Amino acid sequence: MNKNQLREEQDEQERQRQKAEFRALLDKMFAFKGGKGNYTEDRHKQPMPDIDAIVKRVMKAQEEEAKKK
């Protein structure tokens, strides 16, 4: 083998190594994590914010804004 062929072979090995590392990173980043149940139903089971507390905060903010005027 001449020097050019040897260098090309080494470059190809390095490209293959980098490609494998990159693929491993992609697999790690986009790993599928299978869920349990149905999201369209389960999302409604999440704790909801207290609507009364939100309404009170909004009304209080409106009253304070009205006092400033």
C-alpha atoms as a PDB file:
ATOM      1  CA  MET A   1       0.000   0.000   0.000  1.00  0.00           C
ATOM      2  CA  ASN A   2       1.212   3.431  -0.724  1.00  0.00           C
ATOM      3  CA  LYS A   3       0.848   6.358   1.681  1.00  0.00           C
ATOM      4  CA  ASN A   4      -2.271   7.750   0.002  1.00  0.00           C
ATOM      5  CA  GLN A   5      -4.119   4.446   0.222  1.00  0.00           C
ATOM      6  CA  LEU A   6      -3.103   4.048   3.849  1.00  0.00           C
ATOM      7  CA  ARG A   7      -4.257   7.592   4.657  1.00  0.00           C
ATOM      8  CA  GLU A   8      -7.570   7.032   2.843  1.00  0.00           C
ATOM      9  CA  GLU A   9      -8.125   3.815   4.778  1.00  0.00           C
ATOM     10  CA  GLN A  10      -7.410   5.568   8.083  1.00  0.00           C
ATOM     11  CA  ASP A  11      -9.727   8.436   7.115  1.00  0.00           C
ATOM     12  CA  GLU A  12     -12.491   5.986   6.248  1.00  0.00           C
ATOM     13  CA  GLN A  13     -12.073   4.205   9.586  1.00  0.00           C
ATOM     14  CA  GLU A  14     -12.270   7.551  11.387  1.00  0.00           C
ATOM     15  CA  ARG A  15     -15.431   8.501   9.442  1.00  0.00           C
ATOM     16  CA  GLN A  16     -17.027   5.180  10.354  1.00  0.00           C
ATOM     17  CA  ARG A  17     -16.124   5.669  14.026  1.00  0.00           C
ATOM     18  CA  GLN A  18     -17.554   9.199  14.037  1.00  0.00           C
ATOM     19  CA  LYS A  19     -20.677   8.001  12.246  1.00  0.00           C
ATOM     20  CA  ALA A  20     -21.186   5.279  14.851  1.00  0.00           C
ATOM     21  CA  GLU A  21     -20.688   7.765  17.715  1.00  0.00           C
ATOM     22  CA  PHE A  22     -23.108  10.214  16.102  1.00  0.00           C
ATOM     23  CA  ARG A  23     -25.691   7.479  15.596  1.00  0.00           C
ATOM     24  CA  ALA A  24     -25.342   6.438  19.240  1.00  0.00           C
ATOM     25  CA  LEU A  25     -25.931  10.036  20.341  1.00  0.00           C
ATOM     26  CA  LEU A  26     -29.011  10.326  18.130  1.00  0.00           C
ATOM     27  CA  ASP A  27     -30.376   7.065  19.496  1.00  0.00           C
ATOM     28  CA  LYS A  28     -29.821   8.320  23.024  1.00  0.00           C
ATOM     29  CA  MET A  29     -31.438  11.705  22.332  1.00  0.00           C
ATOM     30  CA  PHE A  30     -34.481  10.333  20.564  1.00  0.00           C
ATOM     31  CA  ALA A  31     -34.956   7.152  22.545  1.00  0.00           C
ATOM     32  CA  PHE A  32     -38.591   6.122  22.482  1.00  0.00           C
ATOM     33  CA  LYS A  33     -40.114   5.840  25.891  1.00  0.00           C
ATOM     34  CA  GLY A  34     -43.336   3.965  25.602  1.00  0.00           C
ATOM     35  CA  GLY A  35     -46.063   5.323  27.787  1.00  0.00           C
ATOM     36  CA  LYS A  36     -48.841   3.595  29.575  1.00  0.00           C
ATOM     37  CA  GLY A  37     -52.441   4.324  28.817  1.00  0.00           C
ATOM     38  CA  ASN A  38     -54.026   6.793  26.470  1.00  0.00           C
ATOM     39  CA  TYR A  39     -52.745  10.377  26.579  1.00  0.00           C
ATOM     40  CA  THR A  40     -56.051  11.820  25.390  1.00  0.00           C
ATOM     41  CA  GLU A  41     -57.698  10.375  28.494  1.00  0.00           C
ATOM     42  CA  ASP A  42     -54.805  10.579  30.964  1.00  0.00           C
ATOM     43  CA  ARG A  43     -54.227  14.303  30.428  1.00  0.00           C
ATOM     44  CA  HIS A  44     -57.608  15.004  31.981  1.00  0.00           C
ATOM     45  CA  LYS A  45     -56.523  13.203  35.146  1.00  0.00           C
ATOM     46  CA  GLN A  46     -53.780  15.764  35.802  1.00  0.00           C
ATOM     47  CA  PRO A  47     -54.334  18.039  38.792  1.00  0.00           C
ATOM     48  CA  MET A  48     -56.239  21.118  37.713  1.00  0.00           C
ATOM     49  CA  PRO A  49     -55.444  24.563  39.101  1.00  0.00           C
ATOM     50  CA  ASP A  50     -57.831  25.934  41.685  1.00  0.00           C
ATOM     51  CA  ILE A  51     -60.155  28.093  39.570  1.00  0.00           C
ATOM     52  CA  ASP A  52     -61.502  30.012  42.571  1.00  0.00           C
ATOM     53  CA  ALA A  53     -58.010  31.101  43.584  1.00  0.00           C
ATOM     54  CA  ILE A  54     -57.273  32.234  40.034  1.00  0.00           C
ATOM     55  CA  VAL A  55     -60.521  34.217  39.837  1.00  0.00           C
ATOM     56  CA  LYS A  56     -59.775  35.902  43.174  1.00  0.00           C
ATOM     57  CA  ARG A  57     -56.294  36.900  42.004  1.00  0.00           C
ATOM     58  CA  VAL A  58     -57.668  38.328  38.759  1.00  0.00           C
ATOM     59  CA  MET A  59     -60.401  40.258  40.571  1.00  0.00           C
ATOM     60  CA  LYS A  60     -57.894  41.601  43.089  1.00  0.00           C
ATOM     61  CA  ALA A  61     -55.584  42.719  40.289  1.00  0.00           C
ATOM     62  CA  GLN A  62     -58.492  44.420  38.520  1.00  0.00           C
ATOM     63  CA  GLU A  63     -59.503  46.225  41.720  1.00  0.00           C
ATOM     64  CA  GLU A  64     -55.943  47.405  42.310  1.00  0.00           C
ATOM     65  CA  GLU A  65     -55.722  48.621  38.721  1.00  0.00           C
ATOM     66  CA  ALA A  66     -59.031  50.474  39.125  1.00  0.00           C
ATOM     67  CA  LYS A  67     -57.749  52.169  42.315  1.00  0.00           C
ATOM     68  CA  LYS A  68     -54.682  53.439  40.469  1.00  0.00           C
ATOM     69  CA  LYS A  69     -56.877  55.236  37.915  1.00  0.00           C
END
